[in-house]
Amino acid sequence: LAIGYRGTHGQKRHIKISTNLMAIMIVPLAIIVHSVLSWIFGMTLRPGWHSTIFGPYFVLAAIYSGTGVLIMAMWVYRKMYKLESLLTDKHFIYLGYIMMALGAGYGYFTFSEYLTDWFSSEKWNSEVIEKIFNPAKYGWWFLFANVAGIILPIFIVAFPKTRTPNWIAFASFFMVIALWVKRYLIIVPTLETP
């Protein structure tokens, strides 16, 4: 797509306009896609899925994991191409702050999801909760998803000593894996429960 690009004033103006339009379009698109997916889950009567909180929860999880992937990609490119002068520590710290704020919001939604299922004491919801909390079934996966996906990124960014590109990338790596495990925990225990 860059054939014929010479860096003229008009070409730079077109790139700036195109970039801004794409940035404006991507946010509503991300919200729409993840909201529709959450409605597909939320409108079923399956235990663990029938929840009104899934809309903002899924959108926030997508933005949160996207931030983690962005941090990891920045870290890899910075190391591979010696881009320390362009991708500075400041960039990682600011993205770390965003990751910490999103992690706190994601933690709130996670807590709310399990609290409301546990508090309702419906038979099938209770069975899914028992599977997720039981170390003999999915308890260790649940613990990993919440420690690596919520607590670890918040703590690494919260303390200035660990607020470095390497530590932030480390937290991002485990956070992205933890969010994948969380998505697994949304699907499998529920499908095992009639």
N, C-alpha and C. Protein backbone atom coordinates (compact mmCIF):
# COMPACT_ATOMS: atom_id res chain seq x y z
N LEU A 1 0.81 -1.21 0.00
CA LEU A 1 0.00 0.00 0.00
C LEU A 1 0.85 1.26 0.00
N ALA A 2 2.15 1.13 0.19
CA ALA A 2 3.01 2.31 0.25
C ALA A 2 3.70 2.59 -1.09
N ILE A 3 3.28 1.90 -2.14
CA ILE A 3 3.90 2.14 -3.45
C ILE A 3 3.59 3.58 -3.87
N GLY A 4 4.61 4.29 -4.27
CA GLY A 4 4.44 5.66 -4.70
C GLY A 4 4.48 6.68 -3.57
N TYR A 5 4.73 6.24 -2.36
CA TYR A 5 4.80 7.19 -1.24
C TYR A 5 6.14 7.91 -1.27
N ARG A 6 6.07 9.22 -1.22
CA ARG A 6 7.30 10.02 -1.25
C ARG A 6 7.40 10.96 -0.03
N GLY A 7 6.41 10.94 0.82
CA GLY A 7 6.44 11.81 2.00
C GLY A 7 6.07 13.24 1.72
N THR A 8 5.28 13.45 0.68
CA THR A 8 4.86 14.83 0.36
C THR A 8 3.87 15.33 1.40
N HIS A 9 3.66 16.63 1.40
CA HIS A 9 2.74 17.24 2.37
C HIS A 9 1.33 16.65 2.23
N GLY A 10 0.86 16.50 1.01
CA GLY A 10 -0.48 15.95 0.78
C GLY A 10 -0.60 14.51 1.26
N GLN A 11 0.43 13.71 1.00
CA GLN A 11 0.41 12.31 1.45
C GLN A 11 0.42 12.22 2.97
N LYS A 12 1.22 13.05 3.61
CA LYS A 12 1.25 13.04 5.08
C LYS A 12 -0.10 13.46 5.66
N ARG A 13 -0.75 14.42 5.01
CA ARG A 13 -2.07 14.87 5.46
C ARG A 13 -3.09 13.75 5.32
N HIS A 14 -3.05 13.00 4.21
CA HIS A 14 -3.96 11.86 4.01
C HIS A 14 -3.74 10.77 5.06
N ILE A 15 -2.48 10.51 5.37
CA ILE A 15 -2.18 9.50 6.39
C ILE A 15 -2.72 9.94 7.75
N LYS A 16 -2.54 11.21 8.09
CA LYS A 16 -3.02 11.71 9.38
C LYS A 16 -4.54 11.62 9.47
N ILE A 17 -5.23 12.01 8.40
CA ILE A 17 -6.69 11.93 8.38
C ILE A 17 -7.14 10.47 8.49
N SER A 18 -6.51 9.59 7.73
CA SER A 18 -6.87 8.16 7.75
C SER A 18 -6.63 7.55 9.11
N THR A 19 -5.50 7.87 9.72
CA THR A 19 -5.18 7.34 11.04
C THR A 19 -6.21 7.80 12.08
N ASN A 20 -6.56 9.06 12.05
CA ASN A 20 -7.55 9.59 12.99
C ASN A 20 -8.91 8.95 12.78
N LEU A 21 -9.32 8.77 11.52
CA LEU A 21 -10.61 8.12 11.25
C LEU A 21 -10.62 6.69 11.76
N MET A 22 -9.53 5.95 11.52
CA MET A 22 -9.48 4.57 12.00
C MET A 22 -9.50 4.51 13.52
N ALA A 23 -8.80 5.44 14.17
CA ALA A 23 -8.79 5.47 15.63
C ALA A 23 -10.18 5.76 16.18
N ILE A 24 -10.91 6.64 15.50
CA ILE A 24 -12.27 6.97 15.94
C ILE A 24 -13.21 5.79 15.70
N MET A 25 -13.03 5.09 14.59
CA MET A 25 -13.94 3.97 14.25
C MET A 25 -13.68 2.73 15.09
N ILE A 26 -12.45 2.49 15.52
CA ILE A 26 -12.11 1.25 16.19
C ILE A 26 -12.75 1.13 17.58
N VAL A 27 -12.92 2.24 18.27
CA VAL A 27 -13.49 2.18 19.63
C VAL A 27 -14.95 1.72 19.61
N PRO A 28 -15.84 2.37 18.83
CA PRO A 28 -17.21 1.86 18.80
C PRO A 28 -17.29 0.44 18.23
N LEU A 29 -16.43 0.13 17.27
CA LEU A 29 -16.44 -1.21 16.70
C LEU A 29 -16.09 -2.26 17.75
N ALA A 30 -15.07 -1.98 18.56
CA ALA A 30 -14.68 -2.91 19.63
C ALA A 30 -15.82 -3.07 20.64
N ILE A 31 -16.47 -1.98 20.98
CA ILE A 31 -17.58 -2.05 21.93
C ILE A 31 -18.73 -2.87 21.35
N ILE A 32 -19.06 -2.64 20.09
CA ILE A 32 -20.16 -3.38 19.45
C ILE A 32 -19.86 -4.87 19.39
N VAL A 33 -18.67 -5.22 18.92
CA VAL A 33 -18.32 -6.64 18.76
C VAL A 33 -18.37 -7.37 20.09
N HIS A 34 -17.77 -6.81 21.11
CA HIS A 34 -17.72 -7.51 22.40
C HIS A 34 -19.06 -7.45 23.14
N SER A 35 -19.85 -6.43 22.89
CA SER A 35 -21.18 -6.38 23.49
C SER A 35 -22.08 -7.45 22.88
N VAL A 36 -22.04 -7.59 21.57
CA VAL A 36 -22.86 -8.62 20.92
C VAL A 36 -22.46 -10.00 21.40
N LEU A 37 -21.15 -10.25 21.51
CA LEU A 37 -20.69 -11.53 22.03
C LEU A 37 -21.21 -11.75 23.45
N SER A 38 -21.16 -10.73 24.27
CA SER A 38 -21.63 -10.88 25.65
C SER A 38 -23.13 -11.12 25.70
N TRP A 39 -23.89 -10.51 24.78
CA TRP A 39 -25.33 -10.75 24.75
C TRP A 39 -25.64 -12.20 24.38
N ILE A 40 -24.84 -12.76 23.49
CA ILE A 40 -25.04 -14.17 23.13
C ILE A 40 -24.90 -15.04 24.37
N PHE A 41 -23.92 -14.75 25.20
CA PHE A 41 -23.76 -15.49 26.44
C PHE A 41 -24.86 -15.14 27.43
N GLY A 42 -25.08 -13.85 27.66
CA GLY A 42 -25.99 -13.39 28.71
C GLY A 42 -27.45 -13.75 28.50
N MET A 43 -27.87 -13.94 27.24
CA MET A 43 -29.27 -14.23 26.98
C MET A 43 -29.59 -15.72 27.04
N THR A 44 -28.59 -16.54 27.28
CA THR A 44 -28.87 -17.96 27.47
C THR A 44 -29.25 -18.18 28.93
N LEU A 45 -29.83 -19.30 29.20
CA LEU A 45 -30.21 -19.61 30.57
C LEU A 45 -29.22 -20.55 31.24
N ARG A 46 -28.06 -20.69 30.64
CA ARG A 46 -27.06 -21.58 31.21
C ARG A 46 -26.49 -20.96 32.49
N PRO A 47 -26.20 -21.78 33.49
CA PRO A 47 -25.61 -21.25 34.72
C PRO A 47 -24.23 -20.67 34.44
N GLY A 48 -23.95 -19.54 35.06
CA GLY A 48 -22.67 -18.88 34.86
C GLY A 48 -22.65 -17.91 33.69
N TRP A 49 -23.61 -18.02 32.80
CA TRP A 49 -23.64 -17.14 31.63
C TRP A 49 -24.78 -16.13 31.70
N HIS A 50 -25.85 -16.48 32.35
CA HIS A 50 -27.05 -15.63 32.37
C HIS A 50 -26.80 -14.45 33.31
N SER A 51 -26.12 -13.42 32.78
CA SER A 51 -25.70 -12.30 33.62
C SER A 51 -25.77 -11.00 32.83
N THR A 52 -26.25 -9.96 33.47
CA THR A 52 -26.32 -8.65 32.82
C THR A 52 -24.98 -7.93 32.84
N ILE A 53 -24.04 -8.41 33.62
CA ILE A 53 -22.76 -7.73 33.76
C ILE A 53 -21.80 -8.07 32.61
N PHE A 54 -22.13 -9.05 31.79
CA PHE A 54 -21.21 -9.51 30.76
C PHE A 54 -20.86 -8.44 29.72
N GLY A 55 -21.77 -7.54 29.39
CA GLY A 55 -21.48 -6.52 28.37
C GLY A 55 -20.25 -5.70 28.71
N PRO A 56 -20.29 -4.91 29.78
CA PRO A 56 -19.10 -4.12 30.11
C PRO A 56 -17.90 -4.99 30.51
N TYR A 57 -18.17 -6.15 31.08
CA TYR A 57 -17.10 -7.07 31.50
C TYR A 57 -16.30 -7.54 30.29
N PHE A 58 -16.97 -7.94 29.21
CA PHE A 58 -16.29 -8.42 28.02
C PHE A 58 -15.55 -7.28 27.31
N VAL A 59 -16.17 -6.11 27.24
CA VAL A 59 -15.51 -4.97 26.59
C VAL A 59 -14.25 -4.60 27.37
N LEU A 60 -14.35 -4.52 28.68
CA LEU A 60 -13.19 -4.18 29.50
C LEU A 60 -12.11 -5.25 29.39
N ALA A 61 -12.49 -6.53 29.38
CA ALA A 61 -11.51 -7.61 29.24
C ALA A 61 -10.78 -7.52 27.90
N ALA A 62 -11.49 -7.17 26.85
CA ALA A 62 -10.85 -7.04 25.53
C ALA A 62 -9.85 -5.89 25.52
N ILE A 63 -10.21 -4.76 26.09
CA ILE A 63 -9.30 -3.61 26.13
C ILE A 63 -8.11 -3.92 27.03
N TYR A 64 -8.38 -4.60 28.13
CA TYR A 64 -7.32 -4.97 29.08
C TYR A 64 -6.31 -5.91 28.44
N SER A 65 -6.79 -6.98 27.81
CA SER A 65 -5.86 -7.92 27.18
C SER A 65 -5.16 -7.27 25.98
N GLY A 66 -5.85 -6.39 25.27
CA GLY A 66 -5.23 -5.67 24.16
C GLY A 66 -4.09 -4.79 24.63
N THR A 67 -4.24 -4.17 25.78
CA THR A 67 -3.16 -3.37 26.36
C THR A 67 -1.97 -4.26 26.69
N GLY A 68 -2.24 -5.44 27.23
CA GLY A 68 -1.15 -6.37 27.54
C GLY A 68 -0.40 -6.83 26.31
N VAL A 69 -1.14 -7.12 25.24
CA VAL A 69 -0.50 -7.54 23.98
C VAL A 69 0.33 -6.39 23.41
N LEU A 70 -0.18 -5.17 23.49
CA LEU A 70 0.55 -4.01 23.00
C LEU A 70 1.87 -3.84 23.78
N ILE A 71 1.82 -3.98 25.08
CA ILE A 71 3.03 -3.86 25.90
C ILE A 71 4.04 -4.94 25.52
N MET A 72 3.57 -6.18 25.35
CA MET A 72 4.48 -7.26 24.97
C MET A 72 5.11 -7.00 23.59
N ALA A 73 4.31 -6.55 22.63
CA ALA A 73 4.83 -6.26 21.30
C ALA A 73 5.86 -5.14 21.36
N MET A 74 5.57 -4.11 22.13
CA MET A 74 6.53 -3.00 22.29
C MET A 74 7.84 -3.51 22.88
N TRP A 75 7.75 -4.36 23.88
CA TRP A 75 8.94 -4.87 24.55
C TRP A 75 9.78 -5.69 23.56
N VAL A 76 9.12 -6.57 22.77
CA VAL A 76 9.84 -7.40 21.80
C VAL A 76 10.50 -6.53 20.74
N TYR A 77 9.77 -5.58 20.16
CA TYR A 77 10.34 -4.71 19.13
C TYR A 77 11.47 -3.84 19.69
N ARG A 78 11.30 -3.41 20.91
CA ARG A 78 12.34 -2.59 21.54
C ARG A 78 13.63 -3.39 21.68
N LYS A 79 13.52 -4.66 22.08
CA LYS A 79 14.70 -5.51 22.23
C LYS A 79 15.30 -5.91 20.88
N MET A 80 14.44 -6.31 19.94
CA MET A 80 14.92 -6.80 18.65
C MET A 80 15.62 -5.73 17.83
N TYR A 81 15.06 -4.54 17.81
CA TYR A 81 15.55 -3.48 16.93
C TYR A 81 16.26 -2.35 17.66
N LYS A 82 16.58 -2.58 18.95
CA LYS A 82 17.29 -1.56 19.74
C LYS A 82 16.61 -0.20 19.67
N LEU A 83 15.34 -0.18 20.03
CA LEU A 83 14.52 1.04 19.93
C LEU A 83 14.35 1.75 21.28
N GLU A 84 15.32 1.61 22.16
CA GLU A 84 15.21 2.22 23.49
C GLU A 84 15.04 3.73 23.43
N SER A 85 15.56 4.36 22.38
CA SER A 85 15.44 5.82 22.27
C SER A 85 14.04 6.24 21.81
N LEU A 86 13.33 5.33 21.13
CA LEU A 86 11.98 5.64 20.67
C LEU A 86 10.90 5.10 21.60
N LEU A 87 11.07 3.86 22.04
CA LEU A 87 10.13 3.26 23.00
C LEU A 87 10.78 3.35 24.38
N THR A 88 10.58 4.47 25.02
CA THR A 88 11.26 4.76 26.27
C THR A 88 10.56 4.11 27.46
N ASP A 89 11.23 4.17 28.60
CA ASP A 89 10.63 3.67 29.84
C ASP A 89 9.32 4.38 30.14
N LYS A 90 9.24 5.64 29.78
CA LYS A 90 8.04 6.43 30.03
C LYS A 90 6.82 5.83 29.32
N HIS A 91 7.02 5.35 28.09
CA HIS A 91 5.92 4.72 27.36
C HIS A 91 5.40 3.48 28.11
N PHE A 92 6.33 2.68 28.61
CA PHE A 92 5.94 1.47 29.34
C PHE A 92 5.24 1.84 30.66
N ILE A 93 5.74 2.84 31.32
CA ILE A 93 5.14 3.25 32.59
C ILE A 93 3.72 3.76 32.37
N TYR A 94 3.52 4.59 31.35
CA TYR A 94 2.17 5.11 31.08
C TYR A 94 1.22 3.99 30.67
N LEU A 95 1.69 3.07 29.84
CA LEU A 95 0.84 1.92 29.50
C LEU A 95 0.62 1.03 30.72
N GLY A 96 1.60 0.97 31.61
CA GLY A 96 1.43 0.23 32.86
C GLY A 96 0.35 0.84 33.72
N TYR A 97 0.28 2.18 33.77
CA TYR A 97 -0.79 2.84 34.52
C TYR A 97 -2.16 2.50 33.92
N ILE A 98 -2.22 2.50 32.60
CA ILE A 98 -3.49 2.12 31.95
C ILE A 98 -3.83 0.68 32.29
N MET A 99 -2.83 -0.20 32.23
CA MET A 99 -3.06 -1.60 32.56
C MET A 99 -3.52 -1.76 34.01
N MET A 100 -2.93 -0.99 34.90
CA MET A 100 -3.32 -1.07 36.31
C MET A 100 -4.77 -0.63 36.51
N ALA A 101 -5.16 0.47 35.88
CA ALA A 101 -6.54 0.95 36.00
C ALA A 101 -7.53 -0.05 35.40
N LEU A 102 -7.20 -0.57 34.23
CA LEU A 102 -8.07 -1.58 33.60
C LEU A 102 -8.12 -2.85 34.44
N GLY A 103 -6.99 -3.23 35.04
CA GLY A 103 -6.95 -4.41 35.91
C GLY A 103 -7.84 -4.25 37.13
N ALA A 104 -7.87 -3.05 37.68
CA ALA A 104 -8.74 -2.79 38.83
C ALA A 104 -10.20 -2.90 38.42
N GLY A 105 -10.55 -2.34 37.28
CA GLY A 105 -11.92 -2.46 36.78
C GLY A 105 -12.29 -3.89 36.46
N TYR A 106 -11.37 -4.61 35.84
CA TYR A 106 -11.60 -6.01 35.52
C TYR A 106 -11.76 -6.84 36.80
N GLY A 107 -10.94 -6.53 37.80
CA GLY A 107 -11.07 -7.22 39.09
C GLY A 107 -12.42 -6.98 39.73
N TYR A 108 -12.91 -5.74 39.63
CA TYR A 108 -14.23 -5.41 40.17
C TYR A 108 -15.32 -6.25 39.49
N PHE A 109 -15.28 -6.32 38.16
CA PHE A 109 -16.29 -7.09 37.43
C PHE A 109 -16.18 -8.58 37.74
N THR A 110 -14.96 -9.08 37.87
CA THR A 110 -14.77 -10.49 38.21
C THR A 110 -15.36 -10.79 39.59
N PHE A 111 -15.05 -9.94 40.55
CA PHE A 111 -15.59 -10.11 41.90
C PHE A 111 -17.12 -10.05 41.87
N SER A 112 -17.66 -9.09 41.14
CA SER A 112 -19.12 -8.94 41.06
C SER A 112 -19.77 -10.17 40.42
N GLU A 113 -19.14 -10.68 39.37
CA GLU A 113 -19.70 -11.86 38.69
C GLU A 113 -19.83 -13.04 39.65
N TYR A 114 -18.76 -13.34 40.37
CA TYR A 114 -18.79 -14.50 41.26
C TYR A 114 -19.59 -14.24 42.52
N LEU A 115 -19.58 -13.02 43.02
CA LEU A 115 -20.36 -12.71 44.22
C LEU A 115 -21.86 -12.87 43.95
N THR A 116 -22.33 -12.34 42.81
CA THR A 116 -23.77 -12.44 42.54
C THR A 116 -24.19 -13.88 42.27
N ASP A 117 -23.34 -14.66 41.59
CA ASP A 117 -23.67 -16.08 41.39
C ASP A 117 -23.68 -16.84 42.71
N TRP A 118 -22.70 -16.57 43.55
CA TRP A 118 -22.63 -17.25 44.83
C TRP A 118 -23.79 -16.83 45.74
N PHE A 119 -24.09 -15.54 45.77
CA PHE A 119 -25.12 -15.02 46.66
C PHE A 119 -26.51 -15.48 46.25
N SER A 120 -26.75 -15.66 44.95
CA SER A 120 -28.09 -16.06 44.50
C SER A 120 -28.46 -17.45 44.99
N SER A 121 -27.49 -18.30 45.21
CA SER A 121 -27.68 -19.66 45.72
C SER A 121 -28.58 -20.50 44.83
N GLU A 122 -28.70 -20.16 43.54
CA GLU A 122 -29.43 -21.03 42.63
C GLU A 122 -28.65 -22.32 42.49
N LYS A 123 -29.39 -23.42 42.37
CA LYS A 123 -28.76 -24.73 42.37
C LYS A 123 -27.68 -24.85 41.30
N TRP A 124 -27.98 -24.48 40.05
CA TRP A 124 -27.03 -24.69 38.96
C TRP A 124 -25.89 -23.69 39.01
N ASN A 125 -26.18 -22.46 39.40
CA ASN A 125 -25.10 -21.49 39.57
C ASN A 125 -24.16 -21.93 40.68
N SER A 126 -24.72 -22.46 41.75
CA SER A 126 -23.90 -22.93 42.86
C SER A 126 -23.02 -24.10 42.43
N GLU A 127 -23.53 -24.93 41.54
CA GLU A 127 -22.73 -26.06 41.05
C GLU A 127 -21.54 -25.56 40.21
N VAL A 128 -21.77 -24.56 39.37
CA VAL A 128 -20.67 -23.98 38.58
C VAL A 128 -19.65 -23.32 39.51
N ILE A 129 -20.13 -22.56 40.49
CA ILE A 129 -19.23 -21.91 41.45
C ILE A 129 -18.41 -22.94 42.20
N GLU A 130 -19.05 -24.04 42.60
CA GLU A 130 -18.32 -25.09 43.32
C GLU A 130 -17.22 -25.68 42.44
N LYS A 131 -17.49 -25.88 41.16
CA LYS A 131 -16.47 -26.41 40.24
C LYS A 131 -15.31 -25.44 40.09
N ILE A 132 -15.63 -24.16 39.98
CA ILE A 132 -14.59 -23.15 39.75
C ILE A 132 -13.73 -22.93 40.99
N PHE A 133 -14.32 -23.01 42.17
CA PHE A 133 -13.58 -22.76 43.40
C PHE A 133 -12.88 -24.01 43.94
N ASN A 134 -13.28 -25.19 43.51
CA ASN A 134 -12.74 -26.44 44.03
C ASN A 134 -11.36 -26.73 43.42
N PRO A 135 -10.32 -26.82 44.26
CA PRO A 135 -8.97 -27.09 43.71
C PRO A 135 -8.87 -28.43 42.98
N ALA A 136 -9.74 -29.37 43.29
CA ALA A 136 -9.71 -30.66 42.61
C ALA A 136 -10.28 -30.57 41.19
N LYS A 137 -11.00 -29.49 40.89
CA LYS A 137 -11.58 -29.33 39.55
C LYS A 137 -10.91 -28.17 38.82
N TYR A 138 -11.40 -26.96 39.00
CA TYR A 138 -10.84 -25.80 38.29
C TYR A 138 -10.28 -24.75 39.23
N GLY A 139 -10.16 -25.06 40.50
CA GLY A 139 -9.73 -24.09 41.50
C GLY A 139 -8.35 -23.49 41.25
N TRP A 140 -7.39 -24.32 40.83
CA TRP A 140 -6.05 -23.81 40.58
C TRP A 140 -6.02 -22.91 39.36
N TRP A 141 -6.82 -23.26 38.35
CA TRP A 141 -6.93 -22.40 37.16
C TRP A 141 -7.57 -21.06 37.55
N PHE A 142 -8.59 -21.14 38.39
CA PHE A 142 -9.27 -19.93 38.87
C PHE A 142 -8.30 -19.05 39.64
N LEU A 143 -7.52 -19.66 40.51
CA LEU A 143 -6.55 -18.91 41.30
C LEU A 143 -5.50 -18.25 40.39
N PHE A 144 -4.98 -19.01 39.42
CA PHE A 144 -4.01 -18.45 38.48
C PHE A 144 -4.61 -17.29 37.70
N ALA A 145 -5.84 -17.47 37.20
CA ALA A 145 -6.49 -16.42 36.40
C ALA A 145 -6.64 -15.12 37.20
N ASN A 146 -6.93 -15.23 38.47
CA ASN A 146 -7.15 -14.03 39.26
C ASN A 146 -5.86 -13.42 39.81
N VAL A 147 -4.90 -14.27 40.18
CA VAL A 147 -3.64 -13.72 40.68
C VAL A 147 -2.82 -13.13 39.54
N ALA A 148 -2.64 -13.91 38.46
CA ALA A 148 -1.82 -13.43 37.34
C ALA A 148 -2.56 -12.41 36.49
N GLY A 149 -3.88 -12.49 36.46
CA GLY A 149 -4.65 -11.60 35.60
C GLY A 149 -5.07 -10.30 36.24
N ILE A 150 -5.11 -10.25 37.56
CA ILE A 150 -5.59 -9.04 38.24
C ILE A 150 -4.54 -8.52 39.23
N ILE A 151 -4.16 -9.36 40.18
CA ILE A 151 -3.32 -8.91 41.29
C ILE A 151 -1.89 -8.60 40.85
N LEU A 152 -1.28 -9.50 40.06
CA LEU A 152 0.11 -9.31 39.64
C LEU A 152 0.33 -8.00 38.86
N PRO A 153 -0.46 -7.72 37.81
CA PRO A 153 -0.23 -6.45 37.09
C PRO A 153 -0.42 -5.21 37.96
N ILE A 154 -1.42 -5.24 38.84
CA ILE A 154 -1.67 -4.09 39.71
C ILE A 154 -0.48 -3.87 40.65
N PHE A 155 0.01 -4.94 41.27
CA PHE A 155 1.11 -4.79 42.21
C PHE A 155 2.42 -4.38 41.53
N ILE A 156 2.68 -4.93 40.35
CA ILE A 156 3.92 -4.58 39.66
C ILE A 156 3.94 -3.11 39.28
N VAL A 157 2.82 -2.60 38.82
CA VAL A 157 2.78 -1.19 38.40
C VAL A 157 2.66 -0.26 39.61
N ALA A 158 2.05 -0.73 40.68
CA ALA A 158 1.81 0.13 41.85
C ALA A 158 3.10 0.51 42.57
N PHE A 159 4.11 -0.35 42.52
CA PHE A 159 5.35 -0.08 43.25
C PHE A 159 6.43 0.45 42.31
N PRO A 160 7.01 1.60 42.63
CA PRO A 160 8.01 2.21 41.74
C PRO A 160 9.22 1.31 41.46
N LYS A 161 9.59 0.45 42.40
CA LYS A 161 10.75 -0.42 42.23
C LYS A 161 10.55 -1.41 41.08
N THR A 162 9.33 -1.88 40.87
CA THR A 162 9.05 -2.84 39.81
C THR A 162 8.42 -2.20 38.58
N ARG A 163 8.31 -0.91 38.58
CA ARG A 163 7.69 -0.19 37.47
C ARG A 163 8.73 0.06 36.37
N THR A 164 9.24 -1.04 35.80
CA THR A 164 10.25 -0.97 34.73
C THR A 164 9.69 -1.69 33.50
N PRO A 165 10.24 -1.43 32.32
CA PRO A 165 9.74 -2.11 31.12
C PRO A 165 9.76 -3.64 31.23
N ASN A 166 10.82 -4.20 31.80
CA ASN A 166 10.90 -5.66 31.92
C ASN A 166 9.81 -6.21 32.84
N TRP A 167 9.61 -5.59 33.99
CA TRP A 167 8.59 -6.06 34.92
C TRP A 167 7.18 -5.85 34.36
N ILE A 168 6.96 -4.73 33.70
CA ILE A 168 5.64 -4.46 33.13
C ILE A 168 5.34 -5.45 32.00
N ALA A 169 6.35 -5.76 31.18
CA ALA A 169 6.17 -6.76 30.11
C ALA A 169 5.94 -8.15 30.71
N PHE A 170 6.64 -8.47 31.80
CA PHE A 170 6.45 -9.74 32.51
C PHE A 170 5.00 -9.86 33.00
N ALA A 171 4.51 -8.80 33.63
CA ALA A 171 3.13 -8.80 34.13
C ALA A 171 2.14 -8.91 32.98
N SER A 172 2.42 -8.23 31.88
CA SER A 172 1.54 -8.29 30.70
C SER A 172 1.46 -9.69 30.14
N PHE A 173 2.60 -10.35 30.05
CA PHE A 173 2.65 -11.71 29.52
C PHE A 173 1.75 -12.64 30.33
N PHE A 174 1.91 -12.62 31.65
CA PHE A 174 1.09 -13.49 32.49
C PHE A 174 -0.36 -13.06 32.52
N MET A 175 -0.61 -11.76 32.41
CA MET A 175 -2.00 -11.27 32.38
C MET A 175 -2.72 -11.78 31.14
N VAL A 176 -2.07 -11.75 29.98
CA VAL A 176 -2.71 -12.22 28.75
C VAL A 176 -3.00 -13.72 28.84
N ILE A 177 -2.07 -14.49 29.38
CA ILE A 177 -2.31 -15.93 29.57
C ILE A 177 -3.46 -16.14 30.55
N ALA A 178 -3.47 -15.36 31.63
CA ALA A 178 -4.53 -15.49 32.65
C ALA A 178 -5.90 -15.14 32.07
N LEU A 179 -5.97 -14.16 31.19
CA LEU A 179 -7.25 -13.83 30.58
C LEU A 179 -7.71 -14.92 29.63
N TRP A 180 -6.78 -15.60 28.98
CA TRP A 180 -7.16 -16.75 28.16
C TRP A 180 -7.72 -17.85 29.06
N VAL A 181 -7.07 -18.10 30.19
CA VAL A 181 -7.56 -19.11 31.14
C VAL A 181 -8.94 -18.72 31.64
N LYS A 182 -9.15 -17.44 31.91
CA LYS A 182 -10.46 -16.96 32.37
C LYS A 182 -11.53 -17.24 31.31
N ARG A 183 -11.21 -17.01 30.05
CA ARG A 183 -12.17 -17.30 28.98
C ARG A 183 -12.47 -18.79 28.93
N TYR A 184 -11.46 -19.61 29.17
CA TYR A 184 -11.67 -21.06 29.25
C TYR A 184 -12.62 -21.38 30.41
N LEU A 185 -12.43 -20.71 31.54
CA LEU A 185 -13.28 -20.95 32.71
C LEU A 185 -14.70 -20.45 32.51
N ILE A 186 -14.89 -19.49 31.63
CA ILE A 186 -16.25 -19.06 31.33
C ILE A 186 -16.99 -20.14 30.53
N ILE A 187 -16.27 -20.84 29.67
CA ILE A 187 -16.90 -21.80 28.76
C ILE A 187 -17.04 -23.19 29.37
N VAL A 188 -15.92 -23.80 29.74
CA VAL A 188 -15.91 -25.24 30.04
C VAL A 188 -16.72 -25.63 31.27
N PRO A 189 -16.51 -25.04 32.45
CA PRO A 189 -17.32 -25.46 33.60
C PRO A 189 -18.82 -25.27 33.37
N THR A 190 -19.20 -24.23 32.64
CA THR A 190 -20.62 -24.01 32.35
C THR A 190 -21.16 -25.10 31.44
N LEU A 191 -20.42 -25.47 30.43
CA LEU A 191 -20.90 -26.52 29.51
C LEU A 191 -20.92 -27.90 30.17
N GLU A 192 -20.15 -28.07 31.24
CA GLU A 192 -20.19 -29.33 31.98
C GLU A 192 -21.38 -29.39 32.94
N THR A 193 -22.03 -28.26 33.14
CA THR A 193 -23.15 -28.19 34.09
C THR A 193 -24.46 -28.17 33.31
N PRO A 194 -25.34 -29.12 33.57
CA PRO A 194 -26.60 -29.17 32.80
C PRO A 194 -27.44 -27.92 32.99
